[in-house]
């Protein structure tokens, strides 16, 4: 088996384990509020003007409850959505009313608003990126769903833009296998701690 194939196999095993851990996590709402609260208390958040929040799906750390608060913060809040080509585009969110349940019951920007020029945000304008993920390790290595949506987006982010992941403790593993193109997080915020990752140094 080639090195890449071995990495993929190990990742698939960890991905299954991480999903099982996350699905079994109790008190998701309460822990999510604690995690997002810690994220919004970071100096990186205070300094950022344009912040990307992800909108939670399935058993991810829940962000939707705190989006309203973020919208009142005076910051420019941006959320991603997935286009027909499987790429993430960025939407300037000003009200929760601009969101609706789309495919797979995922909360996303209303289709008629997406093409509006004032709603489109280039990734280079983000001062801080909140990143979801399936599994992480203490170095800041991240494992997503394996489709590469976020990898593509993060490739184009400014080098000085902090990448901060949200995760439950049960999603943090001793080591996630990495390939050459994998991007490390600057920080991972869990319900118990803030892990300092390697970032993109």
N, C-alpha and C. Protein backbone atom coordinates (compact mmCIF):
# COMPACT_ATOMS: atom_id res chain seq x y z
N UNK A 1 0.85 -1.20 0.00
CA UNK A 1 0.00 0.00 0.00
C UNK A 1 0.88 1.25 0.00
N UNK A 2 0.57 2.21 -0.85
CA UNK A 2 1.37 3.43 -0.91
C UNK A 2 1.14 4.26 0.36
N UNK A 3 2.06 5.20 0.61
CA UNK A 3 1.95 6.07 1.79
C UNK A 3 0.62 6.82 1.79
N UNK A 4 0.26 7.38 0.62
CA UNK A 4 -0.99 8.15 0.52
C UNK A 4 -2.21 7.29 0.82
N UNK A 5 -2.19 6.06 0.31
CA UNK A 5 -3.32 5.15 0.54
C UNK A 5 -3.42 4.80 2.02
N UNK A 6 -2.26 4.61 2.66
CA UNK A 6 -2.23 4.29 4.09
C UNK A 6 -2.78 5.46 4.91
N UNK A 7 -2.39 6.68 4.52
CA UNK A 7 -2.89 7.89 5.20
C UNK A 7 -4.41 7.96 5.07
N UNK A 8 -4.91 7.72 3.85
CA UNK A 8 -6.36 7.77 3.61
C UNK A 8 -7.11 6.74 4.44
N UNK A 9 -6.54 5.54 4.52
CA UNK A 9 -7.20 4.47 5.27
C UNK A 9 -7.28 4.84 6.76
N UNK A 10 -6.16 5.34 7.28
CA UNK A 10 -6.13 5.75 8.70
C UNK A 10 -7.12 6.89 8.94
N UNK A 11 -7.16 7.83 8.00
CA UNK A 11 -8.09 8.95 8.13
C UNK A 11 -9.54 8.46 8.15
N UNK A 12 -9.84 7.50 7.28
CA UNK A 12 -11.22 6.97 7.23
C UNK A 12 -11.61 6.31 8.54
N UNK A 13 -10.66 5.59 9.16
CA UNK A 13 -10.93 4.96 10.46
C UNK A 13 -11.20 6.04 11.51
N UNK A 14 -10.33 7.05 11.54
CA UNK A 14 -10.48 8.13 12.52
C UNK A 14 -11.76 8.91 12.28
N UNK A 15 -12.10 9.11 11.01
CA UNK A 15 -13.31 9.86 10.66
C UNK A 15 -14.55 9.16 11.24
N UNK A 16 -14.59 7.82 11.09
CA UNK A 16 -15.72 7.04 11.63
C UNK A 16 -15.79 7.19 13.15
N UNK A 17 -14.63 7.08 13.79
CA UNK A 17 -14.56 7.20 15.25
C UNK A 17 -15.00 8.59 15.70
N UNK A 18 -14.51 9.63 14.99
CA UNK A 18 -14.85 11.02 15.35
C UNK A 18 -16.34 11.26 15.20
N UNK A 19 -16.94 10.75 14.12
CA UNK A 19 -18.39 10.91 13.91
C UNK A 19 -19.17 10.24 15.05
N UNK A 20 -18.73 9.03 15.41
CA UNK A 20 -19.40 8.29 16.48
C UNK A 20 -19.29 9.06 17.80
N UNK A 21 -18.09 9.58 18.08
CA UNK A 21 -17.88 10.35 19.31
C UNK A 21 -18.78 11.59 19.35
N UNK A 22 -18.81 12.27 18.21
CA UNK A 22 -19.57 13.53 18.14
C UNK A 22 -21.07 13.27 18.26
N UNK A 23 -21.53 12.21 17.59
CA UNK A 23 -22.96 11.88 17.66
C UNK A 23 -23.38 11.50 19.08
N UNK A 24 -22.46 10.87 19.81
CA UNK A 24 -22.78 10.42 21.18
C UNK A 24 -22.62 11.53 22.22
N UNK A 25 -22.03 12.65 21.81
CA UNK A 25 -21.76 13.75 22.75
C UNK A 25 -23.07 14.27 23.36
N UNK A 26 -23.12 14.32 24.69
CA UNK A 26 -24.33 14.84 25.35
C UNK A 26 -24.20 16.36 25.53
N UNK A 27 -25.33 16.99 25.87
CA UNK A 27 -25.37 18.44 26.15
C UNK A 27 -24.74 19.28 25.03
N UNK A 28 -25.02 18.91 23.78
CA UNK A 28 -24.38 19.64 22.66
C UNK A 28 -24.69 21.13 22.70
N UNK A 29 -25.94 21.49 23.00
CA UNK A 29 -26.31 22.91 23.01
C UNK A 29 -25.50 23.68 24.05
N UNK A 30 -25.48 23.13 25.25
CA UNK A 30 -24.80 23.81 26.36
C UNK A 30 -23.30 23.94 26.09
N UNK A 31 -22.67 22.83 25.64
CA UNK A 31 -21.23 22.86 25.36
C UNK A 31 -20.92 23.78 24.18
N UNK A 32 -21.81 23.77 23.19
CA UNK A 32 -21.60 24.63 22.01
C UNK A 32 -21.60 26.10 22.42
N UNK A 33 -22.53 26.48 23.33
CA UNK A 33 -22.59 27.88 23.77
C UNK A 33 -21.27 28.26 24.45
N UNK A 34 -20.74 27.31 25.22
CA UNK A 34 -19.47 27.56 25.92
C UNK A 34 -18.33 27.73 24.92
N UNK A 35 -18.31 26.85 23.90
CA UNK A 35 -17.24 26.89 22.90
C UNK A 35 -17.31 28.18 22.07
N UNK A 36 -18.51 28.51 21.58
CA UNK A 36 -18.64 29.72 20.75
C UNK A 36 -18.38 30.97 21.61
N UNK A 37 -18.78 30.93 22.87
CA UNK A 37 -18.49 32.04 23.78
C UNK A 37 -16.99 32.25 23.93
N UNK A 38 -16.25 31.15 24.05
CA UNK A 38 -14.78 31.23 24.18
C UNK A 38 -14.17 31.77 22.88
N UNK A 39 -14.73 31.36 21.75
CA UNK A 39 -14.26 31.86 20.44
C UNK A 39 -14.45 33.38 20.38
N UNK A 40 -15.64 33.85 20.80
CA UNK A 40 -15.94 35.28 20.70
C UNK A 40 -15.21 36.12 21.76
N UNK A 41 -14.57 35.43 22.71
CA UNK A 41 -13.79 36.14 23.74
C UNK A 41 -12.31 36.22 23.36
N UNK A 42 -11.93 35.60 22.24
CA UNK A 42 -10.52 35.58 21.82
C UNK A 42 -10.08 36.97 21.35
N UNK A 43 -8.80 37.31 21.57
CA UNK A 43 -8.29 38.59 21.04
C UNK A 43 -8.40 38.66 19.52
N UNK A 44 -8.24 37.52 18.85
CA UNK A 44 -8.35 37.49 17.38
C UNK A 44 -9.74 37.94 16.92
N UNK A 45 -10.76 37.59 17.72
CA UNK A 45 -12.13 37.99 17.39
C UNK A 45 -12.30 39.49 17.62
N UNK A 46 -11.77 39.96 18.73
CA UNK A 46 -11.88 41.39 19.05
C UNK A 46 -11.23 42.25 17.96
N UNK A 47 -10.12 41.76 17.42
CA UNK A 47 -9.37 42.55 16.43
C UNK A 47 -9.95 42.47 15.02
N UNK A 48 -10.70 41.42 14.74
CA UNK A 48 -11.19 41.19 13.37
C UNK A 48 -12.40 42.06 13.05
N UNK A 49 -12.44 42.54 11.82
CA UNK A 49 -13.61 43.30 11.37
C UNK A 49 -14.55 42.40 10.56
N UNK A 50 -13.98 41.55 9.70
CA UNK A 50 -14.78 40.64 8.87
C UNK A 50 -14.51 39.21 9.33
N UNK A 51 -15.54 38.57 9.87
CA UNK A 51 -15.38 37.24 10.48
C UNK A 51 -16.27 36.22 9.77
N UNK A 52 -15.69 35.08 9.41
CA UNK A 52 -16.50 34.01 8.84
C UNK A 52 -16.91 33.04 9.94
N UNK A 53 -18.21 32.82 10.06
CA UNK A 53 -18.78 31.79 10.93
C UNK A 53 -19.25 30.66 10.02
N UNK A 54 -19.05 29.41 10.41
CA UNK A 54 -19.75 28.35 9.69
C UNK A 54 -21.11 28.17 10.34
N UNK A 55 -22.07 27.62 9.61
CA UNK A 55 -23.38 27.30 10.19
C UNK A 55 -23.41 25.79 10.41
N UNK A 56 -23.66 25.38 11.64
CA UNK A 56 -23.55 23.96 11.99
C UNK A 56 -24.51 23.08 11.19
N UNK A 57 -24.02 21.88 10.89
CA UNK A 57 -24.87 20.83 10.30
C UNK A 57 -24.71 19.58 11.17
N UNK A 58 -25.76 18.79 11.21
CA UNK A 58 -25.77 17.54 11.97
C UNK A 58 -25.20 17.74 13.38
N UNK A 59 -24.13 16.99 13.72
CA UNK A 59 -23.69 17.01 15.12
C UNK A 59 -22.49 17.93 15.38
N UNK A 60 -22.23 18.88 14.46
CA UNK A 60 -21.12 19.81 14.67
C UNK A 60 -21.39 20.72 15.88
N UNK A 61 -20.32 21.33 16.38
CA UNK A 61 -20.50 22.36 17.41
C UNK A 61 -21.48 23.38 16.84
N UNK A 62 -22.52 23.67 17.61
CA UNK A 62 -23.62 24.50 17.10
C UNK A 62 -23.28 25.99 17.19
N UNK A 63 -23.39 26.65 16.06
CA UNK A 63 -23.05 28.07 16.00
C UNK A 63 -24.28 28.95 15.80
N UNK A 64 -25.37 28.35 15.31
CA UNK A 64 -26.53 29.18 14.90
C UNK A 64 -27.12 29.97 16.07
N UNK A 65 -27.03 29.40 17.30
CA UNK A 65 -27.61 30.09 18.46
C UNK A 65 -26.88 31.41 18.76
N UNK A 66 -25.61 31.47 18.37
CA UNK A 66 -24.82 32.66 18.69
C UNK A 66 -24.63 33.61 17.50
N UNK A 67 -25.12 33.20 16.34
CA UNK A 67 -24.99 34.06 15.15
C UNK A 67 -25.69 35.40 15.37
N UNK A 68 -26.86 35.33 16.01
CA UNK A 68 -27.64 36.55 16.28
C UNK A 68 -26.80 37.56 17.07
N UNK A 69 -26.11 37.04 18.08
CA UNK A 69 -25.24 37.87 18.92
C UNK A 69 -24.10 38.47 18.09
N UNK A 70 -23.51 37.63 17.23
CA UNK A 70 -22.42 38.10 16.37
C UNK A 70 -22.90 39.21 15.43
N UNK A 71 -24.14 39.07 14.94
CA UNK A 71 -24.70 40.07 14.02
C UNK A 71 -24.89 41.43 14.70
N UNK A 72 -25.04 41.40 16.02
CA UNK A 72 -25.22 42.66 16.76
C UNK A 72 -23.89 43.27 17.20
N UNK A 73 -22.79 42.60 16.86
CA UNK A 73 -21.47 43.02 17.39
C UNK A 73 -20.84 44.17 16.62
N UNK A 74 -21.47 44.54 15.47
CA UNK A 74 -20.87 45.60 14.67
C UNK A 74 -19.82 45.08 13.70
N UNK A 75 -19.58 43.79 13.75
CA UNK A 75 -18.62 43.19 12.81
C UNK A 75 -19.35 42.80 11.52
N UNK A 76 -18.58 42.59 10.47
CA UNK A 76 -19.15 42.10 9.21
C UNK A 76 -19.10 40.58 9.29
N UNK A 77 -20.27 39.96 9.38
CA UNK A 77 -20.35 38.51 9.55
C UNK A 77 -20.60 37.85 8.19
N UNK A 78 -19.80 36.83 7.91
CA UNK A 78 -19.84 36.15 6.63
C UNK A 78 -20.10 34.67 6.88
N UNK A 79 -20.95 34.05 6.05
CA UNK A 79 -21.18 32.60 6.17
C UNK A 79 -20.93 31.94 4.81
N UNK A 80 -20.44 30.70 4.81
CA UNK A 80 -20.19 30.02 3.54
C UNK A 80 -21.42 29.26 3.07
N UNK A 81 -21.50 29.06 1.77
CA UNK A 81 -22.51 28.15 1.20
C UNK A 81 -21.86 27.44 0.02
N UNK A 82 -22.40 26.28 -0.33
CA UNK A 82 -21.78 25.44 -1.34
C UNK A 82 -22.49 25.60 -2.68
N UNK A 83 -21.75 25.98 -3.73
CA UNK A 83 -22.38 26.16 -5.04
C UNK A 83 -22.48 24.82 -5.79
N UNK A 84 -23.04 24.86 -6.99
CA UNK A 84 -23.28 23.63 -7.77
C UNK A 84 -21.98 22.93 -8.16
N UNK A 85 -20.87 23.67 -8.18
CA UNK A 85 -19.57 23.06 -8.51
C UNK A 85 -18.89 22.44 -7.29
N UNK A 86 -19.57 22.49 -6.14
CA UNK A 86 -18.98 21.92 -4.93
C UNK A 86 -17.92 22.83 -4.32
N UNK A 87 -18.04 24.14 -4.60
CA UNK A 87 -17.08 25.08 -4.01
C UNK A 87 -17.81 26.00 -3.04
N UNK A 88 -17.08 26.43 -2.01
CA UNK A 88 -17.69 27.33 -1.03
C UNK A 88 -17.63 28.76 -1.53
N UNK A 89 -18.77 29.44 -1.42
CA UNK A 89 -18.81 30.87 -1.69
C UNK A 89 -19.18 31.57 -0.39
N UNK A 90 -18.87 32.86 -0.32
CA UNK A 90 -19.05 33.58 0.93
C UNK A 90 -20.16 34.63 0.81
N UNK A 91 -20.97 34.70 1.87
CA UNK A 91 -22.17 35.54 1.87
C UNK A 91 -22.13 36.47 3.07
N UNK A 92 -22.33 37.76 2.82
CA UNK A 92 -22.38 38.74 3.92
C UNK A 92 -23.76 38.69 4.57
N UNK A 93 -23.81 38.19 5.79
CA UNK A 93 -25.07 37.98 6.51
C UNK A 93 -25.38 39.18 7.39
N UNK A 94 -26.57 39.74 7.24
CA UNK A 94 -26.94 40.87 8.10
C UNK A 94 -28.14 40.55 8.99
N UNK A 95 -28.83 39.44 8.71
CA UNK A 95 -30.00 39.08 9.50
C UNK A 95 -30.24 37.58 9.37
N UNK A 96 -30.74 36.97 10.45
CA UNK A 96 -31.03 35.53 10.41
C UNK A 96 -32.14 35.23 9.40
N UNK A 97 -32.93 36.27 9.04
CA UNK A 97 -34.01 36.09 8.07
C UNK A 97 -33.48 35.82 6.66
N UNK A 98 -32.18 36.08 6.45
CA UNK A 98 -31.59 35.84 5.13
C UNK A 98 -31.24 34.35 4.93
N UNK A 99 -31.48 33.54 5.96
CA UNK A 99 -31.17 32.11 5.89
C UNK A 99 -32.44 31.29 5.77
N UNK A 100 -32.34 30.14 5.09
CA UNK A 100 -33.47 29.20 5.07
C UNK A 100 -32.91 27.78 4.97
N UNK A 101 -33.76 26.81 5.27
CA UNK A 101 -33.31 25.42 5.18
C UNK A 101 -33.22 25.01 3.72
N UNK A 102 -32.04 24.56 3.32
CA UNK A 102 -31.84 24.14 1.93
C UNK A 102 -31.79 22.62 1.85
N UNK A 103 -31.01 22.14 0.87
CA UNK A 103 -30.87 20.69 0.70
C UNK A 103 -30.27 20.09 1.96
N UNK A 104 -30.61 18.85 2.23
CA UNK A 104 -30.09 18.12 3.40
C UNK A 104 -30.43 18.84 4.71
N UNK A 105 -31.45 19.72 4.67
CA UNK A 105 -31.89 20.47 5.84
C UNK A 105 -30.75 21.29 6.46
N UNK A 106 -29.91 21.83 5.58
CA UNK A 106 -28.82 22.70 6.03
C UNK A 106 -29.28 24.15 5.91
N UNK A 107 -29.03 24.91 6.94
CA UNK A 107 -29.40 26.34 6.95
C UNK A 107 -28.40 27.08 6.07
N UNK A 108 -28.92 27.78 5.04
CA UNK A 108 -28.00 28.48 4.14
C UNK A 108 -28.65 29.75 3.60
N UNK A 109 -27.83 30.65 3.01
CA UNK A 109 -28.39 31.90 2.47
C UNK A 109 -29.46 31.63 1.43
N UNK A 110 -30.51 32.45 1.45
CA UNK A 110 -31.61 32.27 0.50
C UNK A 110 -31.09 32.45 -0.93
N UNK A 111 -31.48 31.54 -1.84
CA UNK A 111 -30.92 31.54 -3.20
C UNK A 111 -31.06 32.88 -3.93
N UNK A 112 -32.19 33.59 -3.71
CA UNK A 112 -32.38 34.84 -4.46
C UNK A 112 -31.44 35.96 -4.00
N UNK A 113 -30.85 35.81 -2.80
CA UNK A 113 -29.95 36.85 -2.28
C UNK A 113 -28.49 36.61 -2.69
N UNK A 114 -28.18 35.35 -2.98
CA UNK A 114 -26.76 35.00 -3.23
C UNK A 114 -26.09 35.78 -4.36
N UNK A 115 -26.81 36.05 -5.49
CA UNK A 115 -26.13 36.74 -6.60
C UNK A 115 -25.93 38.25 -6.36
N UNK A 116 -26.56 38.82 -5.31
CA UNK A 116 -26.46 40.27 -5.11
C UNK A 116 -25.00 40.65 -4.83
N UNK A 117 -24.48 41.65 -5.57
CA UNK A 117 -23.06 42.01 -5.41
C UNK A 117 -22.70 42.37 -3.97
N UNK A 118 -23.61 43.06 -3.26
CA UNK A 118 -23.28 43.48 -1.88
C UNK A 118 -23.24 42.30 -0.91
N UNK A 119 -23.72 41.14 -1.36
CA UNK A 119 -23.73 39.96 -0.49
C UNK A 119 -22.51 39.06 -0.70
N UNK A 120 -21.80 39.29 -1.81
CA UNK A 120 -20.65 38.43 -2.13
C UNK A 120 -19.37 39.00 -1.51
N UNK A 121 -18.62 38.11 -0.85
CA UNK A 121 -17.40 38.54 -0.16
C UNK A 121 -16.22 37.69 -0.65
N UNK A 122 -15.15 38.34 -1.13
CA UNK A 122 -13.96 37.56 -1.53
C UNK A 122 -13.27 37.02 -0.28
N UNK A 123 -12.71 35.83 -0.36
CA UNK A 123 -12.07 35.19 0.80
C UNK A 123 -10.92 36.05 1.35
N UNK A 124 -10.28 36.82 0.48
CA UNK A 124 -9.13 37.66 0.90
C UNK A 124 -9.54 38.74 1.90
N UNK A 125 -10.85 39.03 1.98
CA UNK A 125 -11.30 40.08 2.90
C UNK A 125 -11.57 39.56 4.32
N UNK A 126 -11.47 38.26 4.51
CA UNK A 126 -11.73 37.70 5.85
C UNK A 126 -10.55 37.98 6.79
N UNK A 127 -10.87 38.49 7.99
CA UNK A 127 -9.84 38.76 9.01
C UNK A 127 -9.73 37.62 10.01
N UNK A 128 -10.73 36.74 10.01
CA UNK A 128 -10.75 35.61 10.94
C UNK A 128 -11.68 34.55 10.35
N UNK A 129 -11.25 33.29 10.39
CA UNK A 129 -12.07 32.22 9.82
C UNK A 129 -12.35 31.16 10.89
N UNK A 130 -13.63 30.94 11.14
CA UNK A 130 -14.06 29.86 12.04
C UNK A 130 -14.20 28.61 11.17
N UNK A 131 -13.50 27.54 11.58
CA UNK A 131 -13.44 26.34 10.74
C UNK A 131 -14.10 25.15 11.45
N UNK A 132 -15.01 24.46 10.74
CA UNK A 132 -15.54 23.22 11.32
C UNK A 132 -14.61 22.06 10.98
N UNK A 133 -14.88 20.89 11.52
CA UNK A 133 -14.07 19.73 11.18
C UNK A 133 -14.62 18.50 11.87
N UNK A 134 -14.13 17.36 11.44
CA UNK A 134 -14.58 16.10 12.01
C UNK A 134 -13.64 15.69 13.15
N UNK A 135 -12.32 15.84 12.92
CA UNK A 135 -11.35 15.48 13.94
C UNK A 135 -10.15 16.41 13.89
N UNK A 136 -9.46 16.52 15.03
CA UNK A 136 -8.30 17.41 15.14
C UNK A 136 -7.25 16.74 16.02
N UNK A 137 -6.01 17.29 15.99
CA UNK A 137 -5.02 16.84 16.96
C UNK A 137 -4.35 18.08 17.57
N UNK A 138 -3.53 17.89 18.64
CA UNK A 138 -2.97 19.05 19.35
C UNK A 138 -2.01 19.91 18.53
N UNK A 139 -1.57 19.42 17.37
CA UNK A 139 -0.72 20.26 16.51
C UNK A 139 -1.55 21.24 15.69
N UNK A 140 -2.88 21.01 15.68
CA UNK A 140 -3.75 21.84 14.84
C UNK A 140 -4.09 21.16 13.53
N UNK A 141 -3.68 19.89 13.37
CA UNK A 141 -4.06 19.15 12.15
C UNK A 141 -5.57 18.96 12.17
N UNK A 142 -6.18 19.05 10.99
CA UNK A 142 -7.64 18.96 10.87
C UNK A 142 -8.02 17.89 9.87
N UNK A 143 -9.11 17.20 10.17
CA UNK A 143 -9.66 16.23 9.24
C UNK A 143 -11.11 16.64 8.98
N UNK A 144 -11.43 16.86 7.69
CA UNK A 144 -12.79 17.24 7.33
C UNK A 144 -13.56 16.01 6.87
N UNK A 145 -14.55 16.23 6.01
CA UNK A 145 -15.36 15.12 5.52
C UNK A 145 -14.69 14.41 4.34
N UNK A 146 -13.55 14.93 3.91
CA UNK A 146 -12.82 14.27 2.82
C UNK A 146 -13.16 14.82 1.45
N UNK A 147 -14.01 15.86 1.40
CA UNK A 147 -14.38 16.41 0.08
C UNK A 147 -13.54 17.63 -0.29
N UNK A 148 -12.82 18.17 0.67
CA UNK A 148 -11.88 19.25 0.37
C UNK A 148 -12.48 20.64 0.21
N UNK A 149 -13.76 20.83 0.59
CA UNK A 149 -14.39 22.16 0.44
C UNK A 149 -13.58 23.24 1.17
N UNK A 150 -13.28 22.97 2.42
CA UNK A 150 -12.58 23.98 3.21
C UNK A 150 -11.13 24.12 2.81
N UNK A 151 -10.50 23.01 2.40
CA UNK A 151 -9.10 23.09 1.96
C UNK A 151 -8.98 24.10 0.82
N UNK A 152 -9.93 24.01 -0.14
CA UNK A 152 -9.89 24.92 -1.30
C UNK A 152 -10.06 26.37 -0.85
N UNK A 153 -11.00 26.58 0.06
CA UNK A 153 -11.27 27.95 0.54
C UNK A 153 -10.05 28.50 1.29
N UNK A 154 -9.48 27.69 2.18
CA UNK A 154 -8.39 28.15 3.04
C UNK A 154 -7.11 28.42 2.25
N UNK A 155 -6.97 27.75 1.11
CA UNK A 155 -5.82 27.98 0.22
C UNK A 155 -5.73 29.45 -0.18
N UNK A 156 -6.91 30.09 -0.31
CA UNK A 156 -6.94 31.47 -0.82
C UNK A 156 -7.05 32.52 0.28
N UNK A 157 -7.12 32.06 1.53
CA UNK A 157 -7.22 33.03 2.64
C UNK A 157 -5.88 33.75 2.79
N UNK A 158 -5.93 34.98 3.29
CA UNK A 158 -4.68 35.71 3.56
C UNK A 158 -3.85 34.94 4.58
N UNK A 159 -2.54 35.02 4.44
CA UNK A 159 -1.64 34.29 5.35
C UNK A 159 -1.74 34.79 6.79
N UNK A 160 -2.14 36.06 6.96
CA UNK A 160 -2.23 36.61 8.32
C UNK A 160 -3.62 36.43 8.94
N UNK A 161 -4.51 35.74 8.24
CA UNK A 161 -5.86 35.51 8.77
C UNK A 161 -5.85 34.27 9.66
N UNK A 162 -6.14 34.42 10.96
CA UNK A 162 -6.14 33.25 11.84
C UNK A 162 -7.24 32.25 11.45
N UNK A 163 -6.88 30.96 11.51
CA UNK A 163 -7.83 29.87 11.27
C UNK A 163 -8.11 29.24 12.62
N UNK A 164 -9.34 29.38 13.10
CA UNK A 164 -9.68 28.88 14.43
C UNK A 164 -10.82 27.89 14.33
N UNK A 165 -10.54 26.66 14.74
CA UNK A 165 -11.52 25.58 14.65
C UNK A 165 -12.30 25.45 15.95
N UNK A 166 -13.55 24.99 15.83
CA UNK A 166 -14.37 24.68 17.00
C UNK A 166 -14.57 23.17 17.03
N UNK A 167 -14.45 22.59 18.21
CA UNK A 167 -14.62 21.13 18.34
C UNK A 167 -15.00 20.77 19.76
N UNK A 168 -15.70 19.66 19.90
CA UNK A 168 -15.89 19.07 21.22
C UNK A 168 -14.59 18.32 21.56
N UNK A 169 -14.28 18.20 22.85
CA UNK A 169 -13.08 17.46 23.28
C UNK A 169 -13.03 16.06 22.65
N UNK A 170 -14.21 15.44 22.48
CA UNK A 170 -14.25 14.06 21.96
C UNK A 170 -13.79 13.97 20.50
N UNK A 171 -13.56 15.13 19.85
CA UNK A 171 -13.10 15.13 18.46
C UNK A 171 -11.59 15.32 18.36
N UNK A 172 -10.92 15.47 19.52
CA UNK A 172 -9.47 15.70 19.50
C UNK A 172 -8.75 14.37 19.72
N UNK A 173 -7.92 13.98 18.75
CA UNK A 173 -7.19 12.71 18.80
C UNK A 173 -5.71 12.99 19.02
N UNK A 174 -4.99 11.94 19.39
CA UNK A 174 -3.56 12.09 19.65
C UNK A 174 -2.83 12.59 18.41
N UNK A 175 -3.18 11.98 17.27
CA UNK A 175 -2.54 12.42 16.02
C UNK A 175 -3.43 12.11 14.82
N UNK A 176 -3.60 13.11 13.98
CA UNK A 176 -4.33 12.96 12.71
C UNK A 176 -3.26 12.82 11.62
N UNK A 177 -3.33 11.79 10.77
CA UNK A 177 -2.34 11.70 9.69
C UNK A 177 -2.53 12.84 8.69
N UNK A 178 -1.45 13.42 8.25
CA UNK A 178 -1.56 14.56 7.34
C UNK A 178 -0.85 14.29 6.01
N UNK A 179 -1.39 14.91 4.97
CA UNK A 179 -0.75 14.88 3.64
C UNK A 179 -0.16 16.27 3.39
N UNK A 180 0.59 16.40 2.32
CA UNK A 180 1.29 17.66 2.04
C UNK A 180 0.39 18.88 1.93
N UNK A 181 -0.85 18.69 1.44
CA UNK A 181 -1.72 19.84 1.20
C UNK A 181 -2.57 20.22 2.42
N UNK A 182 -2.48 19.42 3.49
CA UNK A 182 -3.34 19.69 4.65
C UNK A 182 -2.94 20.98 5.35
N UNK A 183 -3.94 21.71 5.81
CA UNK A 183 -3.72 23.00 6.44
C UNK A 183 -3.88 22.85 7.96
N UNK A 184 -2.94 23.37 8.71
CA UNK A 184 -3.01 23.32 10.18
C UNK A 184 -3.74 24.55 10.72
N UNK A 185 -4.49 24.34 11.80
CA UNK A 185 -5.22 25.43 12.44
C UNK A 185 -4.29 26.24 13.36
N UNK A 186 -4.62 27.53 13.55
CA UNK A 186 -3.87 28.34 14.52
C UNK A 186 -4.31 28.00 15.94
N UNK A 187 -5.62 27.77 16.09
CA UNK A 187 -6.15 27.42 17.41
C UNK A 187 -7.34 26.48 17.23
N UNK A 188 -7.57 25.66 18.26
CA UNK A 188 -8.79 24.83 18.31
C UNK A 188 -9.44 25.15 19.65
N UNK A 189 -10.70 25.56 19.60
CA UNK A 189 -11.43 25.89 20.83
C UNK A 189 -12.36 24.74 21.16
N UNK A 190 -12.19 24.14 22.36
CA UNK A 190 -13.10 23.09 22.82
C UNK A 190 -13.81 23.61 24.07
N UNK A 191 -14.67 22.77 24.66
CA UNK A 191 -15.38 23.19 25.87
C UNK A 191 -14.45 23.31 27.07
N UNK A 192 -13.23 22.71 26.97
CA UNK A 192 -12.32 22.69 28.12
C UNK A 192 -11.08 23.55 27.96
N UNK A 193 -10.70 23.83 26.72
CA UNK A 193 -9.39 24.49 26.55
C UNK A 193 -9.28 25.13 25.17
N UNK A 194 -8.19 25.90 25.04
CA UNK A 194 -7.83 26.47 23.73
C UNK A 194 -6.48 25.87 23.37
N UNK A 195 -6.46 25.11 22.28
CA UNK A 195 -5.24 24.43 21.85
C UNK A 195 -4.53 25.34 20.85
N UNK A 196 -3.25 25.57 21.08
CA UNK A 196 -2.44 26.38 20.16
C UNK A 196 -1.90 25.46 19.06
N UNK A 197 -2.36 25.65 17.84
CA UNK A 197 -1.90 24.81 16.73
C UNK A 197 -0.71 25.43 16.03
N UNK A 198 -0.21 24.73 15.04
CA UNK A 198 0.95 25.19 14.27
C UNK A 198 0.60 26.29 13.29
N UNK A 199 -0.65 26.32 12.86
CA UNK A 199 -1.05 27.29 11.85
C UNK A 199 -0.37 27.04 10.51
N UNK A 200 -0.29 28.06 9.68
CA UNK A 200 0.26 27.89 8.33
C UNK A 200 1.71 28.34 8.24
N UNK A 201 2.41 28.29 9.35
CA UNK A 201 3.81 28.73 9.36
C UNK A 201 4.66 27.87 8.43
